[in-house]
PDB file of N, CA and C in Angstrom:
ATOM      1  N   MET A   1     -28.564  -8.301 -16.775  1.00  0.00           N
ATOM      2  CA  MET A   1     -27.859  -7.959 -16.483  1.00  0.00           C
ATOM      3  C   MET A   1     -28.209  -7.620 -14.346  1.00  0.00           C
ATOM      4  N   LYS A   2     -27.121  -7.817 -13.740  1.00  0.00           N
ATOM      5  CA  LYS A   2     -27.930  -7.089 -12.387  1.00  0.00           C
ATOM      6  C   LYS A   2     -28.191  -6.426 -11.155  1.00  0.00           C
ATOM      7  N   ASN A   3     -28.955  -6.116 -10.401  1.00  0.00           N
ATOM      8  CA  ASN A   3     -29.422  -4.635 -10.155  1.00  0.00           C
ATOM      9  C   ASN A   3     -28.838  -4.679  -8.924  1.00  0.00           C
ATOM     10  N   PHE A   4     -28.138  -4.174  -8.896  1.00  0.00           N
ATOM     11  CA  PHE A   4     -26.224  -4.546  -7.320  1.00  0.00           C
ATOM     12  C   PHE A   4     -27.493  -4.071  -6.224  1.00  0.00           C
ATOM     13  N   PRO A   5     -28.228  -2.164  -5.962  1.00  0.00           N
ATOM     14  CA  PRO A   5     -28.822  -2.018  -5.738  1.00  0.00           C
ATOM     15  C   PRO A   5     -30.256  -2.464  -5.095  1.00  0.00           C
ATOM     16  N   GLU A   6     -30.765  -3.048  -5.060  1.00  0.00           N
ATOM     17  CA  GLU A   6     -31.792  -3.484  -4.985  1.00  0.00           C
ATOM     18  C   GLU A   6     -31.325  -4.734  -4.993  1.00  0.00           C
ATOM     19  N   ARG A   7     -30.072  -5.707  -4.993  1.00  0.00           N
ATOM     20  CA  ARG A   7     -29.667  -6.742  -4.530  1.00  0.00           C
ATOM     21  C   ARG A   7     -29.087  -6.282  -3.152  1.00  0.00           C
ATOM     22  N   SER A   8     -28.386  -4.463  -3.024  1.00  0.00           N
ATOM     23  CA  SER A   8     -28.044  -4.890  -1.477  1.00  0.00           C
ATOM     24  C   SER A   8     -29.314  -4.393  -0.621  1.00  0.00           C
ATOM     25  N   LYS A   9     -30.418  -4.339  -1.078  1.00  0.00           N
ATOM     26  CA  LYS A   9     -31.443  -4.079   0.185  1.00  0.00           C
ATOM     27  C   LYS A   9     -32.596  -5.318  -0.154  1.00  0.00           C
ATOM     28  N   GLU A  10     -32.124  -6.314  -1.043  1.00  0.00           N
ATOM     29  CA  GLU A  10     -32.699  -7.381  -1.144  1.00  0.00           C
ATOM     30  C   GLU A  10     -31.836  -7.930   0.394  1.00  0.00           C
ATOM     31  N   ILE A  11     -29.916  -8.378   0.485  1.00  0.00           N
ATOM     32  CA  ILE A  11     -29.883  -8.978   1.581  1.00  0.00           C
ATOM     33  C   ILE A  11     -29.480  -8.016   2.763  1.00  0.00           C
ATOM     34  N   GLY A  12     -29.552  -6.676   2.971  1.00  0.00           N
ATOM     35  CA  GLY A  12     -30.198  -5.792   4.270  1.00  0.00           C
ATOM     36  C   GLY A  12     -31.630  -6.527   4.828  1.00  0.00           C
ATOM     37  N   THR A  13     -32.759  -6.951   4.245  1.00  0.00           N
ATOM     38  CA  THR A  13     -33.375  -7.896   4.708  1.00  0.00           C
ATOM     39  C   THR A  13     -33.667  -9.621   4.555  1.00  0.00           C
ATOM     40  N   LEU A  14     -32.662 -10.180   4.326  1.00  0.00           N
ATOM     41  CA  LEU A  14     -32.634 -10.989   4.521  1.00  0.00           C
ATOM     42  C   LEU A  14     -31.487 -11.523   6.289  1.00  0.00           C
ATOM     43  N   MET A  15     -30.129 -10.350   6.080  1.00  0.00           N
ATOM     44  CA  MET A  15     -30.003 -10.372   7.004  1.00  0.00           C
ATOM     45  C   MET A  15     -31.144  -9.900   8.366  1.00  0.00           C
ATOM     46  N   GLY A  16     -31.656  -9.428   8.397  1.00  0.00           N
ATOM     47  CA  GLY A  16     -32.398  -8.671   8.864  1.00  0.00           C
ATOM     48  C   GLY A  16     -33.368  -9.919   9.567  1.00  0.00           C
ATOM     49  N   LYS A  17     -33.812 -11.043   8.536  1.00  0.00           N
ATOM     50  CA  LYS A  17     -34.797 -12.282   9.058  1.00  0.00           C
ATOM     51  C   LYS A  17     -34.040 -13.167   9.897  1.00  0.00           C
ATOM     52  N   LEU A  18     -32.249 -13.074   8.827  1.00  0.00           N
ATOM     53  CA  LEU A  18     -31.203 -14.257   9.769  1.00  0.00           C
ATOM     54  C   LEU A  18     -31.128 -14.027  11.120  1.00  0.00           C
ATOM     55  N   GLY A  19     -31.772 -12.361  11.874  1.00  0.00           N
ATOM     56  CA  GLY A  19     -31.223 -11.332  13.138  1.00  0.00           C
ATOM     57  C   GLY A  19     -32.245 -11.805  13.820  1.00  0.00           C
ATOM     58  N   MET A  20     -33.876 -12.093  13.643  1.00  0.00           N
ATOM     59  CA  MET A  20     -34.592 -13.111  14.421  1.00  0.00           C
ATOM     60  C   MET A  20     -34.703 -14.563  14.049  1.00  0.00           C
ATOM     61  N   GLU A  21     -33.450 -14.814  13.459  1.00  0.00           N
ATOM     62  CA  GLU A  21     -33.588 -16.236  13.595  1.00  0.00           C
ATOM     63  C   GLU A  21     -32.103 -16.876  15.508  1.00  0.00           C
ATOM     64  N   VAL A  22     -30.929 -15.635  14.518  1.00  0.00           N
ATOM     65  CA  VAL A  22     -30.023 -16.096  15.836  1.00  0.00           C
ATOM     66  C   VAL A  22     -29.380 -15.145  15.392  1.00  0.00           C
ATOM     67  N   PRO A  23     -30.180 -14.458  16.435  1.00  0.00           N
ATOM     68  CA  PRO A  23     -30.195 -12.552  17.189  1.00  0.00           C
ATOM     69  C   PRO A  23     -29.086 -12.749  17.797  1.00  0.00           C
ATOM     70  N   GLU A  24     -28.680 -13.391  18.575  1.00  0.00           N
ATOM     71  CA  GLU A  24     -26.733 -13.324  19.032  1.00  0.00           C
ATOM     72  C   GLU A  24     -25.815 -13.391  17.856  1.00  0.00           C
ATOM     73  N   VAL A  25     -25.709 -14.337  17.190  1.00  0.00           N
ATOM     74  CA  VAL A  25     -24.948 -14.498  15.833  1.00  0.00           C
ATOM     75  C   VAL A  25     -24.651 -13.079  15.669  1.00  0.00           C
ATOM     76  N   LEU A  26     -26.143 -12.713  15.202  1.00  0.00           N
ATOM     77  CA  LEU A  26     -26.169 -11.349  14.054  1.00  0.00           C
ATOM     78  C   LEU A  26     -25.632  -9.721  14.489  1.00  0.00           C
ATOM     79  N   LYS A  27     -25.750 -10.255  15.672  1.00  0.00           N
ATOM     80  CA  LYS A  27     -25.239  -9.169  17.044  1.00  0.00           C
ATOM     81  C   LYS A  27     -24.383  -9.251  17.144  1.00  0.00           C
ATOM     82  N   SER A  28     -24.107  -9.965  17.383  1.00  0.00           N
ATOM     83  CA  SER A  28     -22.068  -9.875  17.239  1.00  0.00           C
ATOM     84  C   SER A  28     -21.228  -9.795  15.812  1.00  0.00           C
ATOM     85  N   PHE A  29     -22.168 -10.541  15.163  1.00  0.00           N
ATOM     86  CA  PHE A  29     -21.273  -9.803  13.583  1.00  0.00           C
ATOM     87  C   PHE A  29     -21.298  -8.557  13.680  1.00  0.00           C
ATOM     88  N   GLY A  30     -22.315  -7.743  14.290  1.00  0.00           N
ATOM     89  CA  GLY A  30     -22.752  -6.241  13.147  1.00  0.00           C
ATOM     90  C   GLY A  30     -20.850  -5.730  14.810  1.00  0.00           C
ATOM     91  N   ALA A  31     -21.334  -6.244  16.308  1.00  0.00           N
ATOM     92  CA  ALA A  31     -20.277  -5.743  16.530  1.00  0.00           C
ATOM     93  C   ALA A  31     -18.800  -6.100  16.203  1.00  0.00           C
ATOM     94  N   LEU A  32     -18.112  -6.586  15.182  1.00  0.00           N
ATOM     95  CA  LEU A  32     -17.088  -6.735  14.490  1.00  0.00           C
ATOM     96  C   LEU A  32     -17.057  -6.053  13.292  1.00  0.00           C
ATOM     97  N   HIS A  33     -17.950  -6.197  12.056  1.00  0.00           N
ATOM     98  CA  HIS A  33     -17.907  -5.542  11.255  1.00  0.00           C
ATOM     99  C   HIS A  33     -18.737  -3.786  11.750  1.00  0.00           C
ATOM    100  N   ALA A  34     -18.567  -2.844  12.712  1.00  0.00           N
ATOM    101  CA  ALA A  34     -18.088  -2.303  13.684  1.00  0.00           C
ATOM    102  C   ALA A  34     -17.117  -1.945  13.764  1.00  0.00           C
ATOM    103  N   ALA A  35     -16.750  -2.406  14.942  1.00  0.00           N
ATOM    104  CA  ALA A  35     -14.915  -2.379  15.574  1.00  0.00           C
ATOM    105  C   ALA A  35     -14.177  -2.127  14.126  1.00  0.00           C
ATOM    106  N   SER A  36     -14.777  -3.687  13.107  1.00  0.00           N
ATOM    107  CA  SER A  36     -13.382  -3.449  12.075  1.00  0.00           C
ATOM    108  C   SER A  36     -13.060  -2.582  11.277  1.00  0.00           C
ATOM    109  N   PHE A  37     -14.658  -1.629  10.550  1.00  0.00           N
ATOM    110  CA  PHE A  37     -15.187  -0.802  10.241  1.00  0.00           C
ATOM    111  C   PHE A  37     -14.952   0.796  10.433  1.00  0.00           C
ATOM    112  N   LYS A  38     -14.258   0.971  11.537  1.00  0.00           N
ATOM    113  CA  LYS A  38     -13.758   2.966  11.963  1.00  0.00           C
ATOM    114  C   LYS A  38     -12.820   2.882  11.907  1.00  0.00           C
ATOM    115  N   ASN A  39     -12.077   4.779  11.705  1.00  0.00           N
ATOM    116  CA  ASN A  39     -10.862   4.389  11.475  1.00  0.00           C
ATOM    117  C   ASN A  39     -10.304   4.976  12.879  1.00  0.00           C
ATOM    118  N   ALA A  40      -8.764   3.491  12.306  1.00  0.00           N
ATOM    119  CA  ALA A  40      -7.035   3.331  12.776  1.00  0.00           C
ATOM    120  C   ALA A  40      -6.418   3.696  12.726  1.00  0.00           C
ATOM    121  N   ALA A  41      -5.556   3.189  11.997  1.00  0.00           N
ATOM    122  CA  ALA A  41      -4.456   3.433  11.188  1.00  0.00           C
ATOM    123  C   ALA A  41      -4.713   2.893   9.897  1.00  0.00           C
ATOM    124  N   LEU A  42      -6.341   2.405   9.716  1.00  0.00           N
ATOM    125  CA  LEU A  42      -6.435   2.582   8.286  1.00  0.00           C
ATOM    126  C   LEU A  42      -7.513   3.076   8.115  1.00  0.00           C
ATOM    127  N   ASP A  43      -7.911   4.192   7.186  1.00  0.00           N
ATOM    128  CA  ASP A  43      -9.198   4.838   6.792  1.00  0.00           C
ATOM    129  C   ASP A  43     -10.973   3.728   6.653  1.00  0.00           C
ATOM    130  N   VAL A  44     -11.914   3.685   6.964  1.00  0.00           N
ATOM    131  CA  VAL A  44     -12.739   3.954   6.366  1.00  0.00           C
ATOM    132  C   VAL A  44     -12.630   3.604   5.111  1.00  0.00           C
ATOM    133  N   LYS A  45     -12.573   4.086   4.233  1.00  0.00           N
ATOM    134  CA  LYS A  45     -12.622   4.037   2.529  1.00  0.00           C
ATOM    135  C   LYS A  45     -12.038   2.707   1.889  1.00  0.00           C
ATOM    136  N   THR A  46     -10.276   3.804   2.532  1.00  0.00           N
ATOM    137  CA  THR A  46      -9.635   2.261   2.265  1.00  0.00           C
ATOM    138  C   THR A  46      -9.820   0.622   3.372  1.00  0.00           C
ATOM    139  N   LYS A  47     -10.148   0.308   3.975  1.00  0.00           N
ATOM    140  CA  LYS A  47     -11.029  -0.369   4.779  1.00  0.00           C
ATOM    141  C   LYS A  47     -12.263  -1.346   3.791  1.00  0.00           C
ATOM    142  N   GLU A  48     -12.701  -0.041   2.812  1.00  0.00           N
ATOM    143  CA  GLU A  48     -14.163  -0.593   2.670  1.00  0.00           C
ATOM    144  C   GLU A  48     -13.291  -1.209   0.700  1.00  0.00           C
ATOM    145  N   LEU A  49     -12.490  -0.243   0.665  1.00  0.00           N
ATOM    146  CA  LEU A  49     -11.594  -0.939  -0.269  1.00  0.00           C
ATOM    147  C   LEU A  49     -11.016  -2.116  -0.358  1.00  0.00           C
ATOM    148  N   ILE A  50      -9.876  -2.553   0.481  1.00  0.00           N
ATOM    149  CA  ILE A  50     -10.323  -4.068   1.166  1.00  0.00           C
ATOM    150  C   ILE A  50     -11.159  -4.777   0.414  1.00  0.00           C
ATOM    151  N   ALA A  51     -12.502  -4.587   1.873  1.00  0.00           N
ATOM    152  CA  ALA A  51     -12.986  -6.013   1.481  1.00  0.00           C
ATOM    153  C   ALA A  51     -14.567  -6.042   0.340  1.00  0.00           C
ATOM    154  N   LEU A  52     -13.630  -5.255  -1.020  1.00  0.00           N
ATOM    155  CA  LEU A  52     -15.228  -4.475  -1.893  1.00  0.00           C
ATOM    156  C   LEU A  52     -12.932  -6.194  -1.875  1.00  0.00           C
ATOM    157  N   GLY A  53     -12.361  -5.742  -2.152  1.00  0.00           N
ATOM    158  CA  GLY A  53     -11.178  -6.246  -2.910  1.00  0.00           C
ATOM    159  C   GLY A  53     -11.449  -8.355  -2.967  1.00  0.00           C
ATOM    160  N   ILE A  54     -11.790  -8.231  -2.019  1.00  0.00           N
ATOM    161  CA  ILE A  54     -12.522  -9.604  -0.725  1.00  0.00           C
ATOM    162  C   ILE A  54     -13.411 -10.290  -1.284  1.00  0.00           C
ATOM    163  N   ALA A  55     -14.230  -8.741  -0.985  1.00  0.00           N
ATOM    164  CA  ALA A  55     -15.688  -9.746  -1.662  1.00  0.00           C
ATOM    165  C   ALA A  55     -15.707 -10.551  -3.992  1.00  0.00           C
ATOM    166  N   ILE A  56     -14.715  -9.641  -4.921  1.00  0.00           N
ATOM    167  CA  ILE A  56     -14.652  -9.590  -6.062  1.00  0.00           C
ATOM    168  C   ILE A  56     -13.636 -10.963  -5.561  1.00  0.00           C
ATOM    169  N   ALA A  57     -12.598 -11.098  -5.104  1.00  0.00           N
ATOM    170  CA  ALA A  57     -11.798 -12.530  -5.349  1.00  0.00           C
ATOM    171  C   ALA A  57     -12.663 -13.522  -4.994  1.00  0.00           C
ATOM    172  N   VAL A  58     -13.295 -13.549  -4.282  1.00  0.00           N
ATOM    173  CA  VAL A  58     -14.346 -14.584  -3.654  1.00  0.00           C
ATOM    174  C   VAL A  58     -15.816 -14.979  -4.008  1.00  0.00           C
ATOM    175  N   ARG A  59     -15.323 -13.535  -5.056  1.00  0.00           N
ATOM    176  CA  ARG A  59     -17.448 -13.780  -5.809  1.00  0.00           C
ATOM    177  C   ARG A  59     -18.763 -14.199  -5.311  1.00  0.00           C
ATOM    178  N   CYS A  60     -18.751 -12.498  -4.729  1.00  0.00           N
ATOM    179  CA  CYS A  60     -20.380 -12.839  -3.695  1.00  0.00           C
ATOM    180  C   CYS A  60     -20.718 -11.524  -4.044  1.00  0.00           C
ATOM    181  N   ASP A  61     -21.392 -11.774  -4.844  1.00  0.00           N
ATOM    182  CA  ASP A  61     -22.217 -10.430  -5.493  1.00  0.00           C
ATOM    183  C   ASP A  61     -22.926  -9.848  -4.679  1.00  0.00           C
ATOM    184  N   GLY A  62     -23.414 -10.430  -3.159  1.00  0.00           N
ATOM    185  CA  GLY A  62     -23.771  -8.939  -1.994  1.00  0.00           C
ATOM    186  C   GLY A  62     -23.131  -8.921  -1.232  1.00  0.00           C
ATOM    187  N   CYS A  63     -21.701  -9.733  -1.337  1.00  0.00           N
ATOM    188  CA  CYS A  63     -21.168  -8.646  -0.368  1.00  0.00           C
ATOM    189  C   CYS A  63     -20.351  -7.154  -1.767  1.00  0.00           C
ATOM    190  N   ILE A  64     -20.411  -7.399  -3.022  1.00  0.00           N
ATOM    191  CA  ILE A  64     -19.744  -6.611  -4.054  1.00  0.00           C
ATOM    192  C   ILE A  64     -20.888  -4.878  -3.531  1.00  0.00           C
ATOM    193  N   ALA A  65     -22.183  -5.563  -3.633  1.00  0.00           N
ATOM    194  CA  ALA A  65     -22.794  -5.003  -3.628  1.00  0.00           C
ATOM    195  C   ALA A  65     -22.903  -4.013  -2.383  1.00  0.00           C
ATOM    196  N   SER A  66     -22.563  -4.034  -0.984  1.00  0.00           N
ATOM    197  CA  SER A  66     -22.620  -4.034  -0.232  1.00  0.00           C
ATOM    198  C   SER A  66     -21.850  -2.843   0.559  1.00  0.00           C
ATOM    199  N   HIS A  67     -20.031  -3.298  -0.881  1.00  0.00           N
ATOM    200  CA  HIS A  67     -18.919  -2.436  -0.228  1.00  0.00           C
ATOM    201  C   HIS A  67     -18.694  -1.643  -1.215  1.00  0.00           C
ATOM    202  N   VAL A  68     -19.574  -2.284  -2.701  1.00  0.00           N
ATOM    203  CA  VAL A  68     -19.081  -1.021  -2.548  1.00  0.00           C
ATOM    204  C   VAL A  68     -20.292   0.253  -2.618  1.00  0.00           C
ATOM    205  N   GLU A  69     -22.243   0.378  -2.126  1.00  0.00           N
ATOM    206  CA  GLU A  69     -22.466   1.340  -1.292  1.00  0.00           C
ATOM    207  C   GLU A  69     -22.231   1.816  -0.731  1.00  0.00           C
ATOM    208  N   ALA A  70     -20.970   0.820   0.770  1.00  0.00           N
ATOM    209  CA  ALA A  70     -20.561   2.125   1.908  1.00  0.00           C
ATOM    210  C   ALA A  70     -19.171   2.188   1.974  1.00  0.00           C
ATOM    211  N   ALA A  71     -18.374   2.355   0.405  1.00  0.00           N
ATOM    212  CA  ALA A  71     -17.408   3.230   0.008  1.00  0.00           C
ATOM    213  C   ALA A  71     -18.107   4.222  -0.687  1.00  0.00           C
ATOM    214  N   LEU A  72     -19.312   3.532  -1.460  1.00  0.00           N
ATOM    215  CA  LEU A  72     -19.036   5.183  -2.114  1.00  0.00           C
ATOM    216  C   LEU A  72     -19.664   6.587  -1.237  1.00  0.00           C
ATOM    217  N   LYS A  73     -19.970   5.802  -0.056  1.00  0.00           N
ATOM    218  CA  LYS A  73     -20.684   6.417   1.304  1.00  0.00           C
ATOM    219  C   LYS A  73     -19.119   7.973   1.493  1.00  0.00           C
ATOM    220  N   GLU A  74     -18.238   6.938   1.473  1.00  0.00           N
ATOM    221  CA  GLU A  74     -16.859   7.412   2.059  1.00  0.00           C
ATOM    222  C   GLU A  74     -16.098   7.791   1.198  1.00  0.00           C
ATOM    223  N   GLY A  75     -16.391   8.510  -0.536  1.00  0.00           N
ATOM    224  CA  GLY A  75     -15.911   9.242  -1.352  1.00  0.00           C
ATOM    225  C   GLY A  75     -15.332   8.380  -1.876  1.00  0.00           C
ATOM    226  N   VAL A  76     -15.432   7.712  -2.410  1.00  0.00           N
ATOM    227  CA  VAL A  76     -14.510   6.474  -3.677  1.00  0.00           C
ATOM    228  C   VAL A  76     -14.724   7.253  -4.743  1.00  0.00           C
ATOM    229  N   THR A  77     -13.577   6.728  -5.208  1.00  0.00           N
ATOM    230  CA  THR A  77     -14.053   7.114  -6.685  1.00  0.00           C
ATOM    231  C   THR A  77     -13.558   6.242  -7.340  1.00  0.00           C
ATOM    232  N   LYS A  78     -13.816   6.275  -8.764  1.00  0.00           N
ATOM    233  CA  LYS A  78     -13.745   5.016 -10.034  1.00  0.00           C
ATOM    234  C   LYS A  78     -12.491   4.224  -9.887  1.00  0.00           C
ATOM    235  N   GLU A  79     -11.462   5.466 -10.170  1.00  0.00           N
ATOM    236  CA  GLU A  79     -10.247   4.688 -10.322  1.00  0.00           C
ATOM    237  C   GLU A  79     -10.013   4.842  -9.281  1.00  0.00           C
ATOM    238  N   ASP A  80     -10.385   4.766  -7.997  1.00  0.00           N
ATOM    239  CA  ASP A  80     -10.289   3.063  -6.313  1.00  0.00           C
ATOM    240  C   ASP A  80     -10.640   2.204  -6.978  1.00  0.00           C
ATOM    241  N   VAL A  81     -11.774   2.009  -7.086  1.00  0.00           N
ATOM    242  CA  VAL A  81     -12.933   1.488  -7.593  1.00  0.00           C
ATOM    243  C   VAL A  81     -12.129   0.388  -8.866  1.00  0.00           C
ATOM    244  N   ALA A  82     -11.474   0.888  -9.767  1.00  0.00           N
ATOM    245  CA  ALA A  82     -10.242   0.321 -10.823  1.00  0.00           C
ATOM    246  C   ALA A  82      -9.192  -0.945 -10.306  1.00  0.00           C
ATOM    247  N   GLU A  83      -8.159   0.862  -9.197  1.00  0.00           N
ATOM    248  CA  GLU A  83      -7.273   0.222  -9.481  1.00  0.00           C
ATOM    249  C   GLU A  83      -7.713  -1.321  -7.815  1.00  0.00           C
ATOM    250  N   THR A  84      -8.922  -1.653  -7.134  1.00  0.00           N
ATOM    251  CA  THR A  84      -9.047  -2.852  -6.460  1.00  0.00           C
ATOM    252  C   THR A  84      -9.186  -3.673  -6.640  1.00  0.00           C
ATOM    253  N   VAL A  85     -10.202  -3.080  -8.197  1.00  0.00           N
ATOM    254  CA  VAL A  85     -10.144  -4.234  -8.562  1.00  0.00           C
ATOM    255  C   VAL A  85      -9.471  -5.095  -9.980  1.00  0.00           C
ATOM    256  N   SER A  86      -8.541  -4.040 -10.390  1.00  0.00           N
ATOM    257  CA  SER A  86      -6.775  -4.580 -10.811  1.00  0.00           C
ATOM    258  C   SER A  86      -5.987  -5.257  -9.567  1.00  0.00           C
ATOM    259  N   VAL A  87      -5.735  -5.357  -8.122  1.00  0.00           N
ATOM    260  CA  VAL A  87      -5.561  -6.078  -7.291  1.00  0.00           C
ATOM    261  C   VAL A  87      -6.747  -7.218  -7.096  1.00  0.00           C
ATOM    262  N   ALA A  88      -7.946  -7.482  -7.020  1.00  0.00           N
ATOM    263  CA  ALA A  88      -8.290  -8.390  -7.243  1.00  0.00           C
ATOM    264  C   ALA A  88      -8.213  -9.668  -8.439  1.00  0.00           C
ATOM    265  N   ILE A  89      -7.523  -8.985  -9.646  1.00  0.00           N
ATOM    266  CA  ILE A  89      -7.797  -9.601 -10.492  1.00  0.00           C
ATOM    267  C   ILE A  89      -6.517 -10.674 -10.386  1.00  0.00           C
ATOM    268  N   VAL A  90      -5.471  -9.885  -9.310  1.00  0.00           N
ATOM    269  CA  VAL A  90      -3.837 -10.388  -9.166  1.00  0.00           C
ATOM    270  C   VAL A  90      -4.574 -11.286  -8.710  1.00  0.00           C
ATOM    271  N   MET A  91      -5.383 -11.674  -7.758  1.00  0.00           N
ATOM    272  CA  MET A  91      -4.790 -12.234  -6.293  1.00  0.00           C
ATOM    273  C   MET A  91      -5.999 -13.281  -7.225  1.00  0.00           C
ATOM    274  N   GLY A  92      -6.974 -13.315  -7.893  1.00  0.00           N
ATOM    275  CA  GLY A  92      -8.008 -14.384  -7.497  1.00  0.00           C
ATOM    276  C   GLY A  92      -8.513 -15.075  -9.485  1.00  0.00           C
ATOM    277  N   GLY A  93      -7.454 -13.507 -10.931  1.00  0.00           N
ATOM    278  CA  GLY A  93      -7.292 -14.924 -11.817  1.00  0.00           C
ATOM    279  C   GLY A  93      -8.857 -14.425 -12.809  1.00  0.00           C
ATOM    280  N   GLY A  94      -9.188 -15.372 -13.222  1.00  0.00           N
ATOM    281  CA  GLY A  94     -10.294 -14.952 -14.593  1.00  0.00           C
ATOM    282  C   GLY A  94     -10.638 -14.807 -13.745  1.00  0.00           C
ATOM    283  N   PRO A  95     -11.442 -15.444 -12.849  1.00  0.00           N
ATOM    284  CA  PRO A  95     -13.052 -14.970 -12.462  1.00  0.00           C
ATOM    285  C   PRO A  95     -13.407 -13.650 -11.281  1.00  0.00           C
ATOM    286  N   SER A  96     -12.213 -13.179 -10.678  1.00  0.00           N
ATOM    287  CA  SER A  96     -11.902 -11.271 -10.458  1.00  0.00           C
ATOM    288  C   SER A  96     -11.829 -10.206 -11.725  1.00  0.00           C
ATOM    289  N   LEU A  97     -11.216 -10.968 -12.430  1.00  0.00           N
ATOM    290  CA  LEU A  97     -11.797 -10.326 -13.696  1.00  0.00           C
ATOM    291  C   LEU A  97     -13.156 -10.274 -14.112  1.00  0.00           C
ATOM    292  N   VAL A  98     -14.221 -11.523 -13.643  1.00  0.00           N
ATOM    293  CA  VAL A  98     -15.768 -10.633 -14.741  1.00  0.00           C
ATOM    294  C   VAL A  98     -16.047 -10.446 -12.916  1.00  0.00           C
ATOM    295  N   TYR A  99     -15.758 -11.087 -11.697  1.00  0.00           N
ATOM    296  CA  TYR A  99     -16.272  -9.487 -11.482  1.00  0.00           C
ATOM    297  C   TYR A  99     -16.668  -8.614 -10.339  1.00  0.00           C
ATOM    298  N   GLY A 100     -14.520  -8.347 -11.302  1.00  0.00           N
ATOM    299  CA  GLY A 100     -14.589  -7.222 -11.005  1.00  0.00           C
ATOM    300  C   GLY A 100     -15.197  -6.244 -12.114  1.00  0.00           C
ATOM    301  N   VAL A 101     -15.531  -6.700 -13.120  1.00  0.00           N
ATOM    302  CA  VAL A 101     -16.272  -6.113 -13.954  1.00  0.00           C
ATOM    303  C   VAL A 101     -17.851  -5.264 -12.580  1.00  0.00           C
ATOM    304  N   GLU A 102     -18.323  -6.956 -12.927  1.00  0.00           N
ATOM    305  CA  GLU A 102     -19.640  -7.049 -11.937  1.00  0.00           C
ATOM    306  C   GLU A 102     -19.239  -5.392 -10.500  1.00  0.00           C
ATOM    307  N   ALA A 103     -18.622  -4.874 -10.379  1.00  0.00           N
ATOM    308  CA  ALA A 103     -17.901  -4.592  -8.814  1.00  0.00           C
ATOM    309  C   ALA A 103     -17.812  -3.145 -10.073  1.00  0.00           C
ATOM    310  N   LEU A 104     -17.808  -2.345 -10.322  1.00  0.00           N
ATOM    311  CA  LEU A 104     -17.833  -1.734 -11.774  1.00  0.00           C
ATOM    312  C   LEU A 104     -18.478  -1.331 -11.665  1.00  0.00           C
ATOM    313  N   GLU A 105     -19.695  -2.082 -13.081  1.00  0.00           N
ATOM    314  CA  GLU A 105     -20.868  -1.558 -12.997  1.00  0.00           C
ATOM    315  C   GLU A 105     -21.914  -1.920 -12.485  1.00  0.00           C
ATOM    316  N   ALA A 106     -21.592  -2.613 -10.308  1.00  0.00           N
ATOM    317  CA  ALA A 106     -22.049  -1.809  -9.080  1.00  0.00           C
ATOM    318  C   ALA A 106     -22.188  -0.599  -9.020  1.00  0.00           C
ATOM    319  N   LEU A 107     -21.065  -0.149  -9.185  1.00  0.00           N
ATOM    320  CA  LEU A 107     -20.656   1.379  -8.799  1.00  0.00           C
ATOM    321  C   LEU A 107     -21.193   2.244  -9.996  1.00  0.00           C
ATOM    322  N   SER A 108     -21.211   1.788 -11.008  1.00  0.00           N
ATOM    323  CA  SER A 108     -21.838   3.097 -12.000  1.00  0.00           C
ATOM    324  C   SER A 108     -23.187   2.647 -11.218  1.00  0.00           C
ATOM    325  N   GLN A 109     -24.491   1.421 -11.566  1.00  0.00           N
ATOM    326  CA  GLN A 109     -25.784   1.909 -10.327  1.00  0.00           C
ATOM    327  C   GLN A 109     -25.784   2.407  -9.256  1.00  0.00           C
ATOM    328  N   PHE A 110     -25.183   2.200  -8.354  1.00  0.00           N
ATOM    329  CA  PHE A 110     -25.497   3.030  -7.427  1.00  0.00           C
ATOM    330  C   PHE A 110     -24.684   4.575  -7.575  1.00  0.00           C
ATOM    331  N   GLN A 111     -24.011   4.657  -8.740  1.00  0.00           N
ATOM    332  CA  GLN A 111     -24.203   6.433  -8.646  1.00  0.00           C
ATOM    333  C   GLN A 111     -25.571   7.199  -9.153  1.00  0.00           C
ATOM    334  N   ALA A 112     -25.568   6.045 -10.925  1.00  0.00           N
ATOM    335  CA  ALA A 112     -26.990   6.359 -11.083  1.00  0.00           C
ATOM    336  C   ALA A 112     -28.439   6.592 -10.354  1.00  0.00           C
ATOM    337  N   ALA A 113     -28.554   6.157  -9.325  1.00  0.00           N
ATOM    338  CA  ALA A 113     -29.036   5.864  -8.598  1.00  0.00           C
ATOM    339  C   ALA A 113     -29.211   7.512  -7.364  1.00  0.00           C
ATOM    340  N   ALA A 114     -28.160   7.323  -6.612  1.00  0.00           N
ATOM    341  CA  ALA A 114     -27.505   8.596  -5.759  1.00  0.00           C
ATOM    342  C   ALA A 114     -28.402  10.212  -6.794  1.00  0.00           C
ATOM    343  N   LYS A 115     -27.982  10.649  -8.309  1.00  0.00           N
ATOM    344  CA  LYS A 115     -28.832  11.150  -9.157  1.00  0.00           C
ATOM    345  C   LYS A 115     -30.411  11.753  -8.807  1.00  0.00           C
TER     346      LYS A 115
END
């Protein structure tokens, strides 16, 4: 079984290493992320769920870990994630079903780690 909290930490470490190699790129990506993930017409919770749906559809474990973790900080519920998974399945078919159940597992792991 994948360990999504650990994967999130690994991705953060690896991004830090990449930032040492290409600092302008990571700084620019960070600015893009900050500009995109702030409350505006859509709140951050909704934006994190959109990002999670895309992560599921494109089959990105690290992205699933990152956006589930961030979405939890915005107060998402299991029901929010389940509905996001259902939309991702519509858009991505069978592979999104597989990664969607992994997103729900990631949610369970992050919730358990927070206790």
